[in-house]
Amino acid sequence: MRSPFDRLRHALSFEIIALILIVPLGAVAFGVPMHDIGVVGLVSATIATLWNMIFNFGFDLVLRRQTGSTRKTAFMRIGHAGLFEAGLLVVLMPFIAWYLQVSLWQALVMDLSFALFYMVYALGFNWLYDMVFPLPEWTGQEARN
């Protein structure tokens, strides 16, 4: 399993890179000032970072108990990303509606758009992270599986 330091490095690098991408894209896509998307992005990233650490620890615990390893297949990675984003969606939608003064429906559309971006981003980021920082238990195995 990953160390607390490794989990923190993973979570922070994930969120910082995502913010660099999502703030300008969100401002253009939704016609909202970059400052407002920046605040939504920063608060969302803070909540997501905490959720990331908790969710990934729990996911790895369950995975190790079920399979004897924290090694993820492509199918597991897709399920992992989907479950992570579904949990985050429930928490972030009311905040987005409140802060941007939009309806829950508009917040849902925005949040789903962000979630879609993050699902694709998470899949790629986590796969690459595992290749760059493989666990010792994976030695001799391909990190891409």
N, C-alpha and C. Protein backbone atom coordinates (compact mmCIF):
# COMPACT_ATOMS: atom_id res chain seq x y z
N MET A 1 0.85 -1.18 0.00
CA MET A 1 0.00 0.00 0.00
C MET A 1 0.89 1.24 0.00
N ARG A 2 0.32 2.33 -0.42
CA ARG A 2 1.08 3.58 -0.49
C ARG A 2 1.22 4.21 0.90
N SER A 3 2.34 4.88 1.10
CA SER A 3 2.60 5.55 2.38
C SER A 3 1.77 6.83 2.46
N PRO A 4 1.61 7.37 3.67
CA PRO A 4 0.89 8.66 3.80
C PRO A 4 1.55 9.76 2.96
N PHE A 5 2.89 9.80 2.92
CA PHE A 5 3.57 10.81 2.10
C PHE A 5 3.22 10.63 0.63
N ASP A 6 3.26 9.39 0.15
CA ASP A 6 2.96 9.12 -1.25
C ASP A 6 1.52 9.50 -1.57
N ARG A 7 0.59 9.21 -0.66
CA ARG A 7 -0.81 9.57 -0.88
C ARG A 7 -0.97 11.09 -0.92
N LEU A 8 -0.24 11.80 -0.07
CA LEU A 8 -0.31 13.26 -0.08
C LEU A 8 0.28 13.82 -1.38
N ARG A 9 1.43 13.29 -1.80
CA ARG A 9 2.04 13.73 -3.07
C ARG A 9 1.08 13.49 -4.23
N HIS A 10 0.46 12.33 -4.23
CA HIS A 10 -0.50 11.98 -5.29
C HIS A 10 -1.66 12.95 -5.30
N ALA A 11 -2.28 13.16 -4.14
CA ALA A 11 -3.47 14.01 -4.06
C ALA A 11 -3.16 15.46 -4.44
N LEU A 12 -2.08 16.00 -3.91
CA LEU A 12 -1.74 17.40 -4.21
C LEU A 12 -1.36 17.60 -5.68
N SER A 13 -0.55 16.71 -6.22
CA SER A 13 -0.16 16.88 -7.62
C SER A 13 -1.38 16.71 -8.53
N PHE A 14 -2.26 15.78 -8.20
CA PHE A 14 -3.48 15.59 -8.97
C PHE A 14 -4.30 16.88 -9.01
N GLU A 15 -4.53 17.48 -7.85
CA GLU A 15 -5.39 18.66 -7.77
C GLU A 15 -4.74 19.91 -8.37
N ILE A 16 -3.46 20.10 -8.17
CA ILE A 16 -2.78 21.29 -8.71
C ILE A 16 -2.80 21.27 -10.24
N ILE A 17 -2.46 20.14 -10.82
CA ILE A 17 -2.48 20.03 -12.29
C ILE A 17 -3.90 20.21 -12.81
N ALA A 18 -4.86 19.60 -12.12
CA ALA A 18 -6.26 19.73 -12.55
C ALA A 18 -6.72 21.19 -12.52
N LEU A 19 -6.37 21.92 -11.46
CA LEU A 19 -6.78 23.34 -11.37
C LEU A 19 -6.19 24.17 -12.50
N ILE A 20 -4.95 23.89 -12.84
CA ILE A 20 -4.31 24.62 -13.94
C ILE A 20 -5.09 24.42 -15.23
N LEU A 21 -5.67 23.24 -15.40
CA LEU A 21 -6.44 22.94 -16.60
C LEU A 21 -7.88 23.42 -16.52
N ILE A 22 -8.55 23.19 -15.39
CA ILE A 22 -10.00 23.35 -15.31
C ILE A 22 -10.46 24.81 -15.15
N VAL A 23 -9.67 25.65 -14.50
CA VAL A 23 -10.13 27.03 -14.28
C VAL A 23 -10.33 27.78 -15.60
N PRO A 24 -9.34 27.83 -16.47
CA PRO A 24 -9.60 28.54 -17.73
C PRO A 24 -10.64 27.83 -18.61
N LEU A 25 -10.61 26.50 -18.62
CA LEU A 25 -11.60 25.77 -19.43
C LEU A 25 -13.02 26.01 -18.90
N GLY A 26 -13.19 25.97 -17.59
CA GLY A 26 -14.52 26.19 -16.99
C GLY A 26 -15.03 27.59 -17.22
N ALA A 27 -14.14 28.58 -17.11
CA ALA A 27 -14.55 29.97 -17.32
C ALA A 27 -15.06 30.17 -18.74
N VAL A 28 -14.37 29.60 -19.70
CA VAL A 28 -14.78 29.73 -21.10
C VAL A 28 -16.06 28.93 -21.37
N ALA A 29 -16.09 27.69 -20.90
CA ALA A 29 -17.23 26.81 -21.20
C ALA A 29 -18.54 27.31 -20.60
N PHE A 30 -18.50 27.92 -19.41
CA PHE A 30 -19.73 28.32 -18.73
C PHE A 30 -19.95 29.82 -18.72
N GLY A 31 -19.04 30.59 -19.30
CA GLY A 31 -19.21 32.03 -19.34
C GLY A 31 -19.22 32.66 -17.95
N VAL A 32 -18.46 32.10 -17.06
CA VAL A 32 -18.37 32.58 -15.68
C VAL A 32 -16.99 33.20 -15.50
N PRO A 33 -16.90 34.30 -14.76
CA PRO A 33 -15.58 34.90 -14.55
C PRO A 33 -14.57 33.89 -14.00
N MET A 34 -13.34 34.00 -14.47
CA MET A 34 -12.31 33.07 -14.06
C MET A 34 -12.14 33.07 -12.54
N HIS A 35 -12.31 34.23 -11.92
CA HIS A 35 -12.19 34.32 -10.46
C HIS A 35 -13.21 33.40 -9.78
N ASP A 36 -14.45 33.45 -10.25
CA ASP A 36 -15.50 32.62 -9.64
C ASP A 36 -15.24 31.14 -9.87
N ILE A 37 -14.83 30.77 -11.07
CA ILE A 37 -14.49 29.37 -11.33
C ILE A 37 -13.27 28.99 -10.51
N GLY A 38 -12.36 29.94 -10.33
CA GLY A 38 -11.18 29.68 -9.50
C GLY A 38 -11.55 29.37 -8.06
N VAL A 39 -12.49 30.13 -7.48
CA VAL A 39 -12.93 29.88 -6.11
C VAL A 39 -13.63 28.52 -6.03
N VAL A 40 -14.54 28.27 -6.97
CA VAL A 40 -15.22 26.97 -7.00
C VAL A 40 -14.19 25.86 -7.17
N GLY A 41 -13.24 26.07 -8.04
CA GLY A 41 -12.19 25.07 -8.27
C GLY A 41 -11.34 24.83 -7.04
N LEU A 42 -10.95 25.89 -6.36
CA LEU A 42 -10.10 25.76 -5.17
C LEU A 42 -10.83 25.07 -4.02
N VAL A 43 -12.07 25.48 -3.76
CA VAL A 43 -12.86 24.82 -2.70
C VAL A 43 -13.11 23.37 -3.08
N SER A 44 -13.48 23.16 -4.33
CA SER A 44 -13.73 21.79 -4.80
C SER A 44 -12.47 20.94 -4.71
N ALA A 45 -11.33 21.52 -5.07
CA ALA A 45 -10.07 20.78 -5.01
C ALA A 45 -9.70 20.43 -3.57
N THR A 46 -9.97 21.34 -2.64
CA THR A 46 -9.68 21.07 -1.24
C THR A 46 -10.54 19.91 -0.73
N ILE A 47 -11.83 19.97 -1.03
CA ILE A 47 -12.74 18.88 -0.64
C ILE A 47 -12.33 17.59 -1.36
N ALA A 48 -12.03 17.69 -2.63
CA ALA A 48 -11.65 16.51 -3.41
C ALA A 48 -10.34 15.90 -2.92
N THR A 49 -9.41 16.73 -2.48
CA THR A 49 -8.14 16.21 -1.96
C THR A 49 -8.37 15.36 -0.72
N LEU A 50 -9.19 15.87 0.17
CA LEU A 50 -9.52 15.08 1.37
C LEU A 50 -10.26 13.79 0.99
N TRP A 51 -11.24 13.90 0.11
CA TRP A 51 -11.99 12.74 -0.36
C TRP A 51 -11.06 11.76 -1.07
N ASN A 52 -10.14 12.28 -1.86
CA ASN A 52 -9.18 11.46 -2.59
C ASN A 52 -8.39 10.58 -1.63
N MET A 53 -7.85 11.17 -0.60
CA MET A 53 -7.03 10.41 0.34
C MET A 53 -7.86 9.35 1.07
N ILE A 54 -9.04 9.73 1.51
CA ILE A 54 -9.92 8.80 2.24
C ILE A 54 -10.41 7.68 1.30
N PHE A 55 -10.92 8.08 0.14
CA PHE A 55 -11.47 7.11 -0.80
C PHE A 55 -10.40 6.13 -1.28
N ASN A 56 -9.24 6.64 -1.68
CA ASN A 56 -8.19 5.77 -2.21
C ASN A 56 -7.67 4.80 -1.14
N PHE A 57 -7.55 5.27 0.08
CA PHE A 57 -7.13 4.37 1.17
C PHE A 57 -8.15 3.26 1.35
N GLY A 58 -9.44 3.62 1.40
CA GLY A 58 -10.50 2.62 1.56
C GLY A 58 -10.57 1.67 0.37
N PHE A 59 -10.45 2.22 -0.83
CA PHE A 59 -10.50 1.39 -2.05
C PHE A 59 -9.36 0.38 -2.04
N ASP A 60 -8.15 0.86 -1.71
CA ASP A 60 -7.00 -0.05 -1.68
C ASP A 60 -7.13 -1.11 -0.59
N LEU A 61 -7.68 -0.73 0.56
CA LEU A 61 -7.91 -1.73 1.61
C LEU A 61 -8.84 -2.84 1.14
N VAL A 62 -9.96 -2.44 0.55
CA VAL A 62 -10.93 -3.42 0.05
C VAL A 62 -10.30 -4.26 -1.06
N LEU A 63 -9.60 -3.61 -1.98
CA LEU A 63 -8.97 -4.32 -3.09
C LEU A 63 -7.96 -5.35 -2.57
N ARG A 64 -7.14 -4.94 -1.62
CA ARG A 64 -6.13 -5.87 -1.08
C ARG A 64 -6.79 -7.04 -0.37
N ARG A 65 -7.87 -6.78 0.37
CA ARG A 65 -8.58 -7.87 1.04
C ARG A 65 -9.22 -8.82 0.03
N GLN A 66 -9.72 -8.26 -1.06
CA GLN A 66 -10.41 -9.08 -2.06
C GLN A 66 -9.46 -9.85 -2.98
N THR A 67 -8.34 -9.22 -3.34
CA THR A 67 -7.46 -9.81 -4.35
C THR A 67 -6.06 -10.14 -3.83
N GLY A 68 -5.71 -9.65 -2.65
CA GLY A 68 -4.36 -9.88 -2.13
C GLY A 68 -3.34 -8.87 -2.62
N SER A 69 -3.77 -7.88 -3.42
CA SER A 69 -2.87 -6.88 -3.98
C SER A 69 -3.63 -5.57 -4.19
N THR A 70 -2.88 -4.50 -4.31
CA THR A 70 -3.51 -3.22 -4.65
C THR A 70 -3.40 -2.94 -6.15
N ARG A 71 -2.93 -3.91 -6.88
CA ARG A 71 -2.79 -3.79 -8.34
C ARG A 71 -4.17 -3.64 -8.99
N LYS A 72 -4.33 -2.65 -9.88
CA LYS A 72 -5.63 -2.38 -10.51
C LYS A 72 -5.60 -2.73 -11.99
N THR A 73 -6.63 -3.42 -12.42
CA THR A 73 -6.80 -3.67 -13.86
C THR A 73 -7.43 -2.42 -14.49
N ALA A 74 -7.50 -2.40 -15.79
CA ALA A 74 -8.14 -1.27 -16.48
C ALA A 74 -9.60 -1.16 -16.05
N PHE A 75 -10.31 -2.28 -15.94
CA PHE A 75 -11.70 -2.28 -15.51
C PHE A 75 -11.84 -1.71 -14.10
N MET A 76 -10.94 -2.10 -13.19
CA MET A 76 -10.97 -1.58 -11.82
C MET A 76 -10.72 -0.08 -11.81
N ARG A 77 -9.82 0.38 -12.66
CA ARG A 77 -9.53 1.82 -12.71
C ARG A 77 -10.75 2.62 -13.17
N ILE A 78 -11.50 2.09 -14.10
CA ILE A 78 -12.71 2.78 -14.57
C ILE A 78 -13.74 2.82 -13.45
N GLY A 79 -13.95 1.71 -12.76
CA GLY A 79 -14.86 1.68 -11.62
C GLY A 79 -14.41 2.60 -10.50
N HIS A 80 -13.13 2.62 -10.24
CA HIS A 80 -12.54 3.49 -9.21
C HIS A 80 -12.85 4.95 -9.51
N ALA A 81 -12.59 5.36 -10.75
CA ALA A 81 -12.84 6.76 -11.15
C ALA A 81 -14.32 7.11 -11.05
N GLY A 82 -15.19 6.20 -11.49
CA GLY A 82 -16.63 6.45 -11.44
C GLY A 82 -17.16 6.57 -10.02
N LEU A 83 -16.75 5.68 -9.14
CA LEU A 83 -17.19 5.75 -7.74
C LEU A 83 -16.68 7.00 -7.05
N PHE A 84 -15.45 7.34 -7.32
CA PHE A 84 -14.87 8.55 -6.73
C PHE A 84 -15.67 9.78 -7.13
N GLU A 85 -15.94 9.92 -8.42
CA GLU A 85 -16.65 11.10 -8.92
C GLU A 85 -18.10 11.15 -8.46
N ALA A 86 -18.75 10.01 -8.36
CA ALA A 86 -20.14 9.98 -7.89
C ALA A 86 -20.24 10.52 -6.45
N GLY A 87 -19.32 10.10 -5.60
CA GLY A 87 -19.32 10.59 -4.22
C GLY A 87 -19.05 12.08 -4.15
N LEU A 88 -18.13 12.53 -4.96
CA LEU A 88 -17.79 13.96 -4.97
C LEU A 88 -18.93 14.80 -5.52
N LEU A 89 -19.64 14.31 -6.51
CA LEU A 89 -20.77 15.02 -7.11
C LEU A 89 -21.82 15.36 -6.06
N VAL A 90 -22.13 14.43 -5.21
CA VAL A 90 -23.15 14.63 -4.17
C VAL A 90 -22.77 15.77 -3.23
N VAL A 91 -21.50 15.90 -2.94
CA VAL A 91 -21.04 16.93 -2.01
C VAL A 91 -20.92 18.30 -2.68
N LEU A 92 -20.43 18.32 -3.91
CA LEU A 92 -20.09 19.60 -4.54
C LEU A 92 -21.26 20.34 -5.19
N MET A 93 -22.27 19.63 -5.66
CA MET A 93 -23.37 20.29 -6.37
C MET A 93 -24.04 21.40 -5.55
N PRO A 94 -24.40 21.18 -4.29
CA PRO A 94 -25.03 22.27 -3.52
C PRO A 94 -24.10 23.48 -3.34
N PHE A 95 -22.80 23.21 -3.16
CA PHE A 95 -21.86 24.32 -3.02
C PHE A 95 -21.79 25.15 -4.30
N ILE A 96 -21.71 24.49 -5.45
CA ILE A 96 -21.63 25.21 -6.73
C ILE A 96 -22.88 26.07 -6.93
N ALA A 97 -24.04 25.51 -6.65
CA ALA A 97 -25.31 26.26 -6.81
C ALA A 97 -25.30 27.49 -5.90
N TRP A 98 -24.90 27.31 -4.67
CA TRP A 98 -24.90 28.41 -3.71
C TRP A 98 -23.89 29.49 -4.11
N TYR A 99 -22.65 29.10 -4.38
CA TYR A 99 -21.61 30.09 -4.63
C TYR A 99 -21.83 30.85 -5.93
N LEU A 100 -22.22 30.16 -6.97
CA LEU A 100 -22.41 30.82 -8.27
C LEU A 100 -23.81 31.39 -8.46
N GLN A 101 -24.67 31.19 -7.43
CA GLN A 101 -26.04 31.69 -7.49
C GLN A 101 -26.76 31.18 -8.75
N VAL A 102 -26.68 29.87 -8.95
CA VAL A 102 -27.35 29.23 -10.08
C VAL A 102 -28.31 28.19 -9.52
N SER A 103 -29.21 27.72 -10.35
CA SER A 103 -30.15 26.70 -9.91
C SER A 103 -29.43 25.38 -9.67
N LEU A 104 -30.07 24.49 -8.94
CA LEU A 104 -29.49 23.16 -8.73
C LEU A 104 -29.31 22.43 -10.06
N TRP A 105 -30.25 22.67 -10.98
CA TRP A 105 -30.12 22.05 -12.30
C TRP A 105 -28.86 22.54 -13.01
N GLN A 106 -28.63 23.86 -13.00
CA GLN A 106 -27.42 24.41 -13.62
C GLN A 106 -26.17 23.90 -12.92
N ALA A 107 -26.23 23.83 -11.60
CA ALA A 107 -25.09 23.31 -10.84
C ALA A 107 -24.84 21.85 -11.18
N LEU A 108 -25.92 21.09 -11.38
CA LEU A 108 -25.77 19.68 -11.75
C LEU A 108 -25.08 19.56 -13.11
N VAL A 109 -25.51 20.37 -14.08
CA VAL A 109 -24.89 20.33 -15.41
C VAL A 109 -23.41 20.71 -15.31
N MET A 110 -23.10 21.76 -14.55
CA MET A 110 -21.71 22.16 -14.39
C MET A 110 -20.91 21.06 -13.69
N ASP A 111 -21.48 20.53 -12.62
CA ASP A 111 -20.78 19.51 -11.85
C ASP A 111 -20.57 18.25 -12.67
N LEU A 112 -21.57 17.87 -13.46
CA LEU A 112 -21.40 16.69 -14.33
C LEU A 112 -20.33 16.94 -15.39
N SER A 113 -20.26 18.16 -15.90
CA SER A 113 -19.22 18.50 -16.87
C SER A 113 -17.85 18.40 -16.23
N PHE A 114 -17.72 18.96 -15.02
CA PHE A 114 -16.46 18.84 -14.29
C PHE A 114 -16.14 17.38 -13.99
N ALA A 115 -17.17 16.62 -13.59
CA ALA A 115 -16.97 15.21 -13.25
C ALA A 115 -16.49 14.43 -14.48
N LEU A 116 -17.06 14.71 -15.64
CA LEU A 116 -16.63 14.04 -16.86
C LEU A 116 -15.16 14.35 -17.15
N PHE A 117 -14.81 15.63 -17.05
CA PHE A 117 -13.41 16.01 -17.23
C PHE A 117 -12.54 15.25 -16.24
N TYR A 118 -12.92 15.27 -14.97
CA TYR A 118 -12.10 14.65 -13.93
C TYR A 118 -12.03 13.13 -14.07
N MET A 119 -13.09 12.50 -14.56
CA MET A 119 -13.02 11.05 -14.74
C MET A 119 -11.96 10.68 -15.78
N VAL A 120 -11.97 11.39 -16.89
CA VAL A 120 -10.98 11.13 -17.93
C VAL A 120 -9.59 11.50 -17.40
N TYR A 121 -9.50 12.64 -16.77
CA TYR A 121 -8.23 13.10 -16.21
C TYR A 121 -7.72 12.13 -15.15
N ALA A 122 -8.60 11.69 -14.24
CA ALA A 122 -8.20 10.77 -13.16
C ALA A 122 -7.69 9.45 -13.72
N LEU A 123 -8.36 8.94 -14.72
CA LEU A 123 -7.94 7.68 -15.32
C LEU A 123 -6.50 7.82 -15.84
N GLY A 124 -6.26 8.86 -16.62
CA GLY A 124 -4.92 9.08 -17.17
C GLY A 124 -3.89 9.42 -16.12
N PHE A 125 -4.24 10.32 -15.20
CA PHE A 125 -3.29 10.73 -14.18
C PHE A 125 -2.88 9.55 -13.30
N ASN A 126 -3.87 8.79 -12.82
CA ASN A 126 -3.57 7.68 -11.91
C ASN A 126 -2.77 6.58 -12.60
N TRP A 127 -3.06 6.32 -13.83
CA TRP A 127 -2.32 5.32 -14.58
C TRP A 127 -0.86 5.77 -14.72
N LEU A 128 -0.67 7.03 -15.11
CA LEU A 128 0.68 7.57 -15.25
C LEU A 128 1.40 7.61 -13.90
N TYR A 129 0.68 8.02 -12.85
CA TYR A 129 1.29 8.08 -11.52
C TYR A 129 1.80 6.70 -11.10
N ASP A 130 1.01 5.67 -11.35
CA ASP A 130 1.43 4.31 -10.99
C ASP A 130 2.63 3.85 -11.80
N MET A 131 2.76 4.35 -13.02
CA MET A 131 3.94 4.00 -13.83
C MET A 131 5.18 4.75 -13.34
N VAL A 132 5.01 6.01 -12.94
CA VAL A 132 6.14 6.82 -12.48
C VAL A 132 6.55 6.43 -11.05
N PHE A 133 5.56 6.12 -10.20
CA PHE A 133 5.82 5.77 -8.81
C PHE A 133 5.23 4.39 -8.48
N PRO A 134 5.79 3.32 -9.08
CA PRO A 134 5.24 2.00 -8.81
C PRO A 134 5.54 1.55 -7.38
N LEU A 135 4.67 0.71 -6.86
CA LEU A 135 4.88 0.14 -5.54
C LEU A 135 5.87 -1.02 -5.62
N PRO A 136 6.64 -1.25 -4.55
CA PRO A 136 7.59 -2.37 -4.56
C PRO A 136 6.92 -3.73 -4.83
N GLU A 137 5.67 -3.89 -4.40
CA GLU A 137 4.98 -5.17 -4.60
C GLU A 137 4.73 -5.46 -6.08
N TRP A 138 4.88 -4.43 -6.93
CA TRP A 138 4.64 -4.61 -8.35
C TRP A 138 5.91 -4.95 -9.11
N THR A 139 7.04 -5.03 -8.43
CA THR A 139 8.32 -5.28 -9.09
C THR A 139 8.23 -6.54 -9.95
N GLY A 140 8.71 -6.40 -11.16
CA GLY A 140 8.67 -7.53 -12.09
C GLY A 140 7.37 -7.65 -12.84
N GLN A 141 6.40 -6.78 -12.54
CA GLN A 141 5.12 -6.79 -13.25
C GLN A 141 5.03 -5.49 -14.02
N GLU A 142 4.24 -5.48 -15.06
CA GLU A 142 4.05 -4.24 -15.82
C GLU A 142 3.18 -3.29 -15.03
N ALA A 143 3.60 -2.03 -14.88
CA ALA A 143 2.84 -1.03 -14.12
C ALA A 143 1.62 -0.56 -14.89
N ARG A 144 1.47 -0.94 -16.16
CA ARG A 144 0.34 -0.45 -16.95
C ARG A 144 -0.92 -1.28 -16.72
N ASN A 145 -0.85 -2.42 -16.10
CA ASN A 145 -2.04 -3.27 -15.90
C ASN A 145 -2.98 -2.72 -14.89
